[in-house]
Amino acid sequence: MEQLTFHINHDRRGIQGTLDSDVFNIDWADNKYQWIEARQYDSGMRQAIVKILTGDGSKSDPFIPMDLTGINPVLEGVLPDGKHRIFDSKSATMLDATGGEFRYDFPAQAFAVAGSYKQIFFRLMKNGQSVATLEFSMDVMADKVISGLIPSDYITPFNDLYSQLETIVKNAGGDLDKFKADWDAKLQELVSKYGKDFDSLQEIITRLQDRITDIAAQVKANNVVTLPMLSKYAGCPVMIGVAHLELGTGPDGFPDMYPSVHAYIGKYGAGLGGAGTTPAGGSAVYDVNVRAVRNEPTEIEIYVSPENITGFMQDFDMTDPDATFGGAFAYIYSGIYTLEVEFKGAKVVKFDVDSTFKTKFTDEKTSATTPAAGK
């Protein structure tokens, strides 16, 4: 297993080469810096342990592990052919967040082309913002014995959205054959456009999400009722946790004992700092059902329905939930997913995630998407 160690604010590397038609050609003249060497068509066997340290190594500022709590590492790269790209937000596994260590499992598409990567780096994302980038070199040795892996773009947000479309088509039957053909044409058109300007990726993802919404509306117009549609209006509530509030003041000058409660879901930090917005790097934000149980005016239990949530965002996941808060909002996040709870007119001073939330959310989500026996 390969090991990469990065020193934030210490490692310095010069960029060599010239700007070609698409990307910079990057060549690390000094091979003491991090690099990966793999064999073409490697799959399921190529992993890297990534360790991240901060400080400059001096006595006054020694190297210490970077706290990766709430960080989602994303691999971005341009393959040796200079044409195909990787944008993978799903293959990193956090091993020791406070110890600054995660594992990355390279997808097979990373080794489709032999040669040296034009550029490859990890982008550390937190709350929809880029915290740091970790550049390294990667060489893929040729395999003349076996072949068959066709180079292609590997961009996980596109794959996620396409999976949602496949679900709609499957549930609706043959009524959406034409819609699927239209989708394929649009997808190829947008991939071609993004290939000319990689920085526009998030804008394109948002446009694809809007396209899925349009198709779902067409399904409804054809009187086709799907399980995701029904799940928006039903579901068994699961307790997220307990919010502790500082009450605001009502129009009469007395404390507002019953602040209204709302909940929203999004990806990549969408809606952080104010629900209903879509900051750069975010996704669409959905208003979902929420139930508030008031133990006392400043202590409220919060419940949501996994079926209701996945009806809007099928891949929404709470594998490793944690929480933070600010102003009137509590943010419950796991990887790229965020569930926001707003207490209008109040201030959140603490939010305790329920110890059973992860298990119950997963169980209810699974039961909602598993077909009954004989179906």
Protein backbone atom coordinates (compact mmCIF):
# COMPACT_ATOMS: atom_id res chain seq x y z
CA MET A 1 0.00 0.00 0.00
CA GLU A 2 1.35 3.42 -1.00
CA GLN A 3 1.78 6.17 1.60
CA LEU A 4 1.63 9.91 0.94
CA THR A 5 2.61 12.46 3.59
CA PHE A 6 1.82 16.14 3.07
CA HIS A 7 3.04 19.10 5.12
CA ILE A 8 0.52 21.93 4.82
CA ASN A 9 2.18 25.38 4.70
CA HIS A 10 5.60 23.75 4.30
CA ASP A 11 5.87 21.79 1.03
CA ARG A 12 6.69 24.04 -1.92
CA ARG A 13 6.86 22.82 -5.50
CA GLY A 14 7.59 24.68 -8.71
CA ILE A 15 5.46 24.20 -11.81
CA GLN A 16 7.41 23.49 -15.00
CA GLY A 17 6.31 23.21 -18.60
CA THR A 18 3.97 25.31 -20.72
CA LEU A 19 0.24 25.71 -21.06
CA ASP A 20 -1.02 23.38 -23.78
CA SER A 21 -4.49 23.34 -25.33
CA ASP A 22 -6.20 22.00 -22.21
CA VAL A 23 -4.07 21.85 -19.06
CA PHE A 24 -0.65 22.60 -17.61
CA ASN A 25 1.96 19.90 -18.05
CA ILE A 26 3.38 19.50 -14.55
CA ASP A 27 6.76 17.90 -13.89
CA TRP A 28 8.21 17.61 -10.38
CA ALA A 29 11.95 17.96 -11.03
CA ASP A 30 12.83 16.77 -7.52
CA ASN A 31 11.47 13.26 -6.88
CA LYS A 32 11.63 13.62 -3.07
CA TYR A 33 8.04 14.83 -3.27
CA GLN A 34 5.05 12.52 -3.18
CA TRP A 35 4.32 10.22 -6.09
CA ILE A 36 2.25 7.14 -6.94
CA GLU A 37 3.26 4.43 -9.41
CA ALA A 38 0.68 1.90 -10.60
CA ARG A 39 0.14 -0.64 -13.36
CA GLN A 40 -2.41 -0.13 -16.12
CA TYR A 41 -5.77 -1.83 -15.38
CA ASP A 42 -5.09 -2.13 -11.63
CA SER A 43 -8.43 -2.37 -9.83
CA GLY A 44 -9.38 -3.14 -6.24
CA MET A 45 -5.73 -3.47 -5.20
CA ARG A 46 -4.31 0.03 -5.42
CA GLN A 47 -4.72 2.03 -2.24
CA ALA A 48 -2.89 4.92 -0.62
CA ILE A 49 -2.69 6.01 3.00
CA VAL A 50 -2.61 9.82 3.12
CA LYS A 51 -1.19 11.61 6.18
CA ILE A 52 -1.48 15.39 6.52
CA LEU A 53 0.60 17.51 8.90
CA THR A 54 0.61 21.25 9.64
CA GLY A 55 3.43 23.48 10.88
CA ASP A 56 6.83 24.31 9.42
CA GLY A 57 8.86 21.77 11.38
CA SER A 58 10.60 24.32 13.57
CA LYS A 59 10.78 24.21 17.37
CA SER A 60 8.25 27.01 17.63
CA ASP A 61 5.91 25.43 15.04
CA PRO A 62 6.51 21.65 14.95
CA PHE A 63 4.72 19.29 12.59
CA ILE A 64 1.40 18.10 14.06
CA PRO A 65 -1.49 16.15 12.46
CA MET A 66 -4.10 18.29 10.72
CA ASP A 67 -7.62 17.86 12.15
CA LEU A 68 -9.70 16.42 9.29
CA THR A 69 -13.02 16.40 11.17
CA GLY A 70 -15.79 17.26 8.71
CA ILE A 71 -13.37 17.07 5.75
CA ASN A 72 -14.27 15.19 2.55
CA PRO A 73 -11.21 14.46 0.34
CA VAL A 74 -11.94 14.70 -3.39
CA LEU A 75 -9.51 13.39 -6.02
CA GLU A 76 -9.19 15.55 -9.14
CA GLY A 77 -6.94 14.70 -12.05
CA VAL A 78 -6.26 14.79 -15.79
CA LEU A 79 -5.26 11.39 -17.25
CA PRO A 80 -2.02 10.98 -19.23
CA ASP A 81 -3.91 11.34 -22.55
CA GLY A 82 -4.79 14.93 -21.58
CA LYS A 83 -8.42 14.33 -22.57
CA HIS A 84 -10.14 12.44 -19.76
CA ARG A 85 -10.58 13.59 -16.17
CA ILE A 86 -11.32 12.23 -12.72
CA PHE A 87 -13.44 13.95 -10.08
CA ASP A 88 -14.02 11.38 -7.34
CA SER A 89 -15.68 12.40 -4.07
CA LYS A 90 -16.59 8.89 -2.84
CA SER A 91 -13.46 6.74 -2.59
CA ALA A 92 -11.80 8.26 0.50
CA THR A 93 -12.23 6.60 3.90
CA MET A 94 -11.35 8.61 7.01
CA LEU A 95 -9.13 6.43 9.25
CA ASP A 96 -8.18 8.94 11.95
CA ALA A 97 -9.73 12.39 11.50
CA THR A 98 -8.01 14.05 14.45
CA GLY A 99 -4.77 12.27 13.52
CA GLY A 100 -4.88 13.68 9.97
CA GLU A 101 -5.08 10.32 8.19
CA PHE A 102 -7.36 8.87 5.50
CA ARG A 103 -7.23 6.02 2.97
CA TYR A 104 -8.00 6.47 -0.72
CA ASP A 105 -9.02 3.56 -2.98
CA PHE A 106 -8.25 4.46 -6.59
CA PRO A 107 -11.05 3.53 -9.05
CA ALA A 108 -10.16 1.37 -12.07
CA GLN A 109 -10.67 4.31 -14.43
CA ALA A 110 -7.67 6.01 -12.82
CA PHE A 111 -5.40 3.46 -14.53
CA ALA A 112 -7.02 3.34 -17.97
CA VAL A 113 -4.19 5.19 -19.74
CA ALA A 114 -0.46 4.53 -19.43
CA GLY A 115 1.86 7.46 -18.84
CA SER A 116 2.29 10.36 -16.42
CA TYR A 117 -0.74 12.26 -15.18
CA LYS A 118 -0.94 15.82 -16.49
CA GLN A 119 -2.10 16.87 -13.04
CA ILE A 120 -3.51 15.07 -9.99
CA PHE A 121 -4.30 16.24 -6.47
CA PHE A 122 -6.58 15.79 -3.47
CA ARG A 123 -8.90 18.71 -2.72
CA LEU A 124 -9.97 18.87 0.95
CA MET A 125 -13.61 20.05 1.12
CA LYS A 126 -15.40 21.25 4.25
CA ASN A 127 -18.85 22.84 4.36
CA GLY A 128 -18.78 23.21 0.58
CA GLN A 129 -15.47 25.12 0.59
CA SER A 130 -11.97 24.09 -0.51
CA VAL A 131 -9.66 24.03 2.54
CA ALA A 132 -6.45 22.85 0.84
CA THR A 133 -5.14 20.98 -2.21
CA LEU A 134 -2.51 18.24 -2.01
CA GLU A 135 -0.61 17.86 -5.31
CA PHE A 136 1.37 14.73 -6.17
CA SER A 137 2.79 12.90 -9.18
CA MET A 138 1.26 9.71 -10.59
CA ASP A 139 2.70 7.39 -13.25
CA VAL A 140 0.77 4.50 -14.82
CA MET A 141 2.98 1.79 -16.31
CA ALA A 142 1.76 0.12 -19.50
CA ASP A 143 0.32 -3.39 -19.52
CA LYS A 144 0.84 -4.96 -22.95
CA VAL A 145 -0.50 -8.36 -21.84
CA ILE A 146 -4.11 -7.48 -21.09
CA SER A 147 -6.29 -4.70 -22.39
CA GLY A 148 -9.90 -3.66 -22.59
CA LEU A 149 -10.43 -0.78 -20.20
CA ILE A 150 -11.64 2.11 -22.34
CA PRO A 151 -10.65 5.57 -21.08
CA SER A 152 -13.52 7.72 -19.92
CA ASP A 153 -14.26 10.57 -17.55
CA TYR A 154 -14.86 9.38 -13.97
CA ILE A 155 -16.84 12.08 -12.17
CA THR A 156 -18.82 10.86 -9.17
CA PRO A 157 -21.39 13.70 -9.05
CA PHE A 158 -22.36 12.83 -12.64
CA ASN A 159 -22.62 9.14 -11.72
CA ASP A 160 -24.84 9.97 -8.72
CA LEU A 161 -27.23 12.02 -10.83
CA TYR A 162 -27.39 9.41 -13.58
CA SER A 163 -28.27 6.75 -10.98
CA GLN A 164 -31.22 8.89 -9.89
CA LEU A 165 -32.44 9.07 -13.47
CA GLU A 166 -32.12 5.29 -13.87
CA THR A 167 -34.33 4.84 -10.81
CA ILE A 168 -37.01 7.11 -12.30
CA VAL A 169 -36.92 5.22 -15.59
CA LYS A 170 -37.11 1.84 -13.87
CA ASN A 171 -40.07 2.81 -11.68
CA ALA A 172 -41.96 4.42 -14.55
CA GLY A 173 -41.51 1.57 -17.04
CA GLY A 174 -41.58 2.13 -20.79
CA ASP A 175 -43.24 5.54 -20.59
CA LEU A 176 -39.84 7.22 -20.18
CA ASP A 177 -37.86 5.55 -22.99
CA LYS A 178 -37.83 8.79 -24.96
CA PHE A 179 -36.88 10.79 -21.89
CA LYS A 180 -33.89 8.51 -21.32
CA ALA A 181 -32.73 8.98 -24.91
CA ASP A 182 -33.03 12.76 -24.50
CA TRP A 183 -31.06 12.52 -21.25
CA ASP A 184 -28.20 10.61 -22.92
CA ALA A 185 -27.94 13.26 -25.63
CA LYS A 186 -27.96 16.09 -23.08
CA LEU A 187 -25.36 14.33 -20.94
CA GLN A 188 -22.93 13.96 -23.83
CA GLU A 189 -23.45 17.60 -24.78
CA LEU A 190 -22.73 18.81 -21.26
CA VAL A 191 -19.71 16.53 -20.80
CA SER A 192 -18.27 18.04 -23.98
CA LYS A 193 -18.84 21.53 -22.64
CA TYR A 194 -17.38 20.82 -19.21
CA GLY A 195 -14.30 19.27 -20.82
CA LYS A 196 -13.43 22.69 -22.22
CA ASP A 197 -13.78 24.38 -18.86
CA PHE A 198 -13.36 22.12 -15.83
CA ASP A 199 -14.08 24.97 -13.41
CA SER A 200 -17.72 24.99 -14.56
CA LEU A 201 -18.32 21.48 -13.16
CA GLN A 202 -20.52 22.53 -10.25
CA GLU A 203 -22.71 24.69 -12.49
CA ILE A 204 -23.23 21.71 -14.80
CA ILE A 205 -24.09 19.44 -11.88
CA THR A 206 -26.78 21.91 -10.84
CA ARG A 207 -28.15 21.95 -14.38
CA LEU A 208 -28.24 18.15 -14.43
CA GLN A 209 -30.13 18.15 -11.13
CA ASP A 210 -32.67 20.55 -12.67
CA ARG A 211 -33.00 18.18 -15.64
CA ILE A 212 -33.87 15.29 -13.31
CA THR A 213 -36.51 17.47 -11.66
CA ASP A 214 -38.00 18.21 -15.08
CA ILE A 215 -38.14 14.50 -15.97
CA ALA A 216 -39.83 13.67 -12.66
CA ALA A 217 -42.48 16.29 -13.48
CA GLN A 218 -43.06 14.63 -16.87
CA VAL A 219 -43.53 11.27 -15.14
CA LYS A 220 -46.17 12.82 -12.91
CA ALA A 221 -47.90 14.37 -15.93
CA ASN A 222 -48.21 10.87 -17.43
CA ASN A 223 -50.06 9.71 -14.29
CA VAL A 224 -47.21 7.38 -13.32
CA VAL A 225 -46.92 7.10 -9.53
CA THR A 226 -43.48 6.01 -8.31
CA LEU A 227 -42.22 4.98 -4.88
CA PRO A 228 -39.93 8.04 -4.57
CA MET A 229 -42.96 10.28 -5.16
CA LEU A 230 -45.01 8.55 -2.49
CA SER A 231 -42.13 8.59 -0.02
CA LYS A 232 -42.23 12.40 0.04
CA TYR A 233 -45.52 12.22 1.92
CA ALA A 234 -45.00 9.27 4.26
CA GLY A 235 -42.42 7.65 6.47
CA CYS A 236 -41.53 6.64 10.01
CA PRO A 237 -39.91 9.53 11.92
CA VAL A 238 -36.42 9.02 13.36
CA MET A 239 -34.95 11.18 16.12
CA ILE A 240 -31.93 13.24 14.99
CA GLY A 241 -31.10 14.68 18.38
CA VAL A 242 -31.83 17.46 20.87
CA ALA A 243 -31.42 21.17 20.20
CA HIS A 244 -30.66 23.55 23.07
CA LEU A 245 -31.84 27.09 22.37
CA GLU A 246 -31.54 30.64 23.54
CA LEU A 247 -35.03 32.05 22.98
CA GLY A 248 -35.59 35.25 21.08
CA THR A 249 -38.07 37.98 21.93
CA GLY A 250 -41.59 38.08 20.45
CA PRO A 251 -43.53 41.19 19.30
CA ASP A 252 -44.94 41.62 22.82
CA GLY A 253 -41.45 41.88 24.32
CA PHE A 254 -41.66 38.46 26.04
CA PRO A 255 -39.53 35.41 25.16
CA ASP A 256 -40.80 33.57 22.07
CA MET A 257 -41.60 30.18 23.68
CA TYR A 258 -42.44 28.40 20.41
CA PRO A 259 -39.98 29.22 17.61
CA SER A 260 -41.03 27.69 14.29
CA VAL A 261 -38.88 24.76 13.14
CA HIS A 262 -37.92 23.94 9.54
CA ALA A 263 -35.55 21.36 7.99
CA TYR A 264 -33.58 21.33 4.73
CA ILE A 265 -31.21 18.91 2.97
CA GLY A 266 -28.41 19.54 0.48
CA LYS A 267 -24.97 18.45 -0.75
CA TYR A 268 -21.50 20.03 -0.76
CA GLY A 269 -22.46 22.57 1.89
CA ALA A 270 -25.48 23.95 0.01
CA GLY A 271 -27.57 26.29 2.16
CA LEU A 272 -24.98 26.68 4.90
CA GLY A 273 -25.42 30.02 6.61
CA GLY A 274 -28.99 30.39 5.39
CA ALA A 275 -31.42 27.82 4.02
CA GLY A 276 -32.80 28.15 0.54
CA THR A 277 -29.57 29.42 -1.01
CA THR A 278 -27.12 27.59 -3.27
CA PRO A 279 -23.55 28.82 -2.70
CA ALA A 280 -20.75 28.00 -5.16
CA GLY A 281 -19.95 24.30 -4.95
CA GLY A 282 -23.34 23.43 -3.49
CA SER A 283 -26.41 21.61 -4.78
CA ALA A 284 -30.16 22.07 -4.84
CA VAL A 285 -31.67 22.56 -1.36
CA TYR A 286 -34.90 20.73 -0.43
CA ASP A 287 -37.41 21.58 2.30
CA VAL A 288 -38.25 18.32 4.14
CA ASN A 289 -40.73 17.36 6.85
CA VAL A 290 -39.65 17.79 10.47
CA ARG A 291 -41.35 17.07 13.82
CA ALA A 292 -40.43 18.99 16.98
CA VAL A 293 -41.11 17.62 20.47
CA ARG A 294 -40.61 20.30 23.13
CA ASN A 295 -39.36 18.84 26.40
CA GLU A 296 -39.08 22.42 27.65
CA PRO A 297 -38.98 25.80 25.86
CA THR A 298 -35.20 25.72 25.39
CA GLU A 299 -34.87 21.97 24.71
CA ILE A 300 -36.44 20.47 21.59
CA GLU A 301 -36.23 16.91 20.21
CA ILE A 302 -36.04 16.86 16.39
CA TYR A 303 -37.43 14.02 14.22
CA VAL A 304 -37.25 13.47 10.43
CA SER A 305 -38.42 10.73 8.06
CA PRO A 306 -35.70 8.91 6.03
CA GLU A 307 -38.35 7.94 3.46
CA ASN A 308 -39.35 11.57 3.07
CA ILE A 309 -35.72 12.68 2.68
CA THR A 310 -34.74 10.00 0.13
CA GLY A 311 -37.86 10.87 -1.84
CA PHE A 312 -36.09 14.13 -2.69
CA MET A 313 -32.45 12.96 -2.62
CA GLN A 314 -32.21 9.19 -3.01
CA ASP A 315 -28.50 8.86 -2.19
CA PHE A 316 -28.70 11.02 0.98
CA ASP A 317 -26.62 9.27 3.63
CA MET A 318 -25.86 9.64 7.34
CA THR A 319 -23.11 7.01 7.74
CA ASP A 320 -21.01 9.15 10.09
CA PRO A 321 -23.18 11.98 11.44
CA ASP A 322 -21.79 14.93 13.35
CA ALA A 323 -23.23 18.36 14.16
CA THR A 324 -22.31 22.00 14.42
CA PHE A 325 -24.41 25.13 14.83
CA GLY A 326 -24.51 28.85 14.22
CA GLY A 327 -27.20 31.47 14.72
CA ALA A 328 -30.65 29.98 14.22
CA PHE A 329 -29.29 26.86 12.48
CA ALA A 330 -28.06 23.40 13.52
CA TYR A 331 -26.12 21.52 10.83
CA ILE A 332 -26.03 17.71 10.91
CA TYR A 333 -23.52 16.51 8.32
CA SER A 334 -21.96 13.28 7.04
CA GLY A 335 -19.45 13.44 4.20
CA ILE A 336 -20.92 15.62 1.44
CA TYR A 337 -24.47 15.58 2.88
CA THR A 338 -25.98 18.17 5.21
CA LEU A 339 -29.29 18.22 7.09
CA GLU A 340 -30.06 21.72 8.38
CA VAL A 341 -32.61 22.50 11.09
CA GLU A 342 -33.72 26.12 11.47
CA PHE A 343 -35.28 27.57 14.63
CA LYS A 344 -36.71 30.91 13.53
CA GLY A 345 -36.41 33.64 16.13
CA ALA A 346 -34.09 31.60 18.39
CA LYS A 347 -30.35 30.94 18.69
CA VAL A 348 -28.89 27.41 18.80
CA VAL A 349 -26.36 27.10 21.64
CA LYS A 350 -25.87 23.32 21.43
CA PHE A 351 -27.05 20.32 19.42
CA ASP A 352 -26.67 16.73 20.66
CA VAL A 353 -26.91 14.05 17.94
CA ASP A 354 -28.89 11.06 19.23
CA SER A 355 -26.73 7.94 19.60
CA THR A 356 -29.27 5.81 17.68
CA PHE A 357 -29.74 8.24 14.77
CA LYS A 358 -27.15 6.66 12.46
CA THR A 359 -28.55 3.10 12.88
CA LYS A 360 -32.22 4.03 12.74
CA PHE A 361 -31.81 6.35 9.76
CA THR A 362 -29.97 3.61 7.82
CA ASP A 363 -32.50 0.91 8.79
CA GLU A 364 -35.54 3.02 7.85
CA LYS A 365 -33.90 4.14 4.60
CA THR A 366 -33.08 0.52 3.69
CA SER A 367 -36.58 -0.76 4.49
CA ALA A 368 -38.08 2.00 2.38
CA THR A 369 -36.05 1.09 -0.70
CA THR A 370 -36.19 -2.74 -0.33
CA PRO A 371 -39.10 -4.35 -2.28
CA ALA A 372 -41.47 -6.62 -0.38
CA ALA A 373 -41.17 -10.39 -0.82
CA GLY A 374 -42.64 -11.65 -4.06
CA LYS A 375 -42.54 -8.23 -5.72
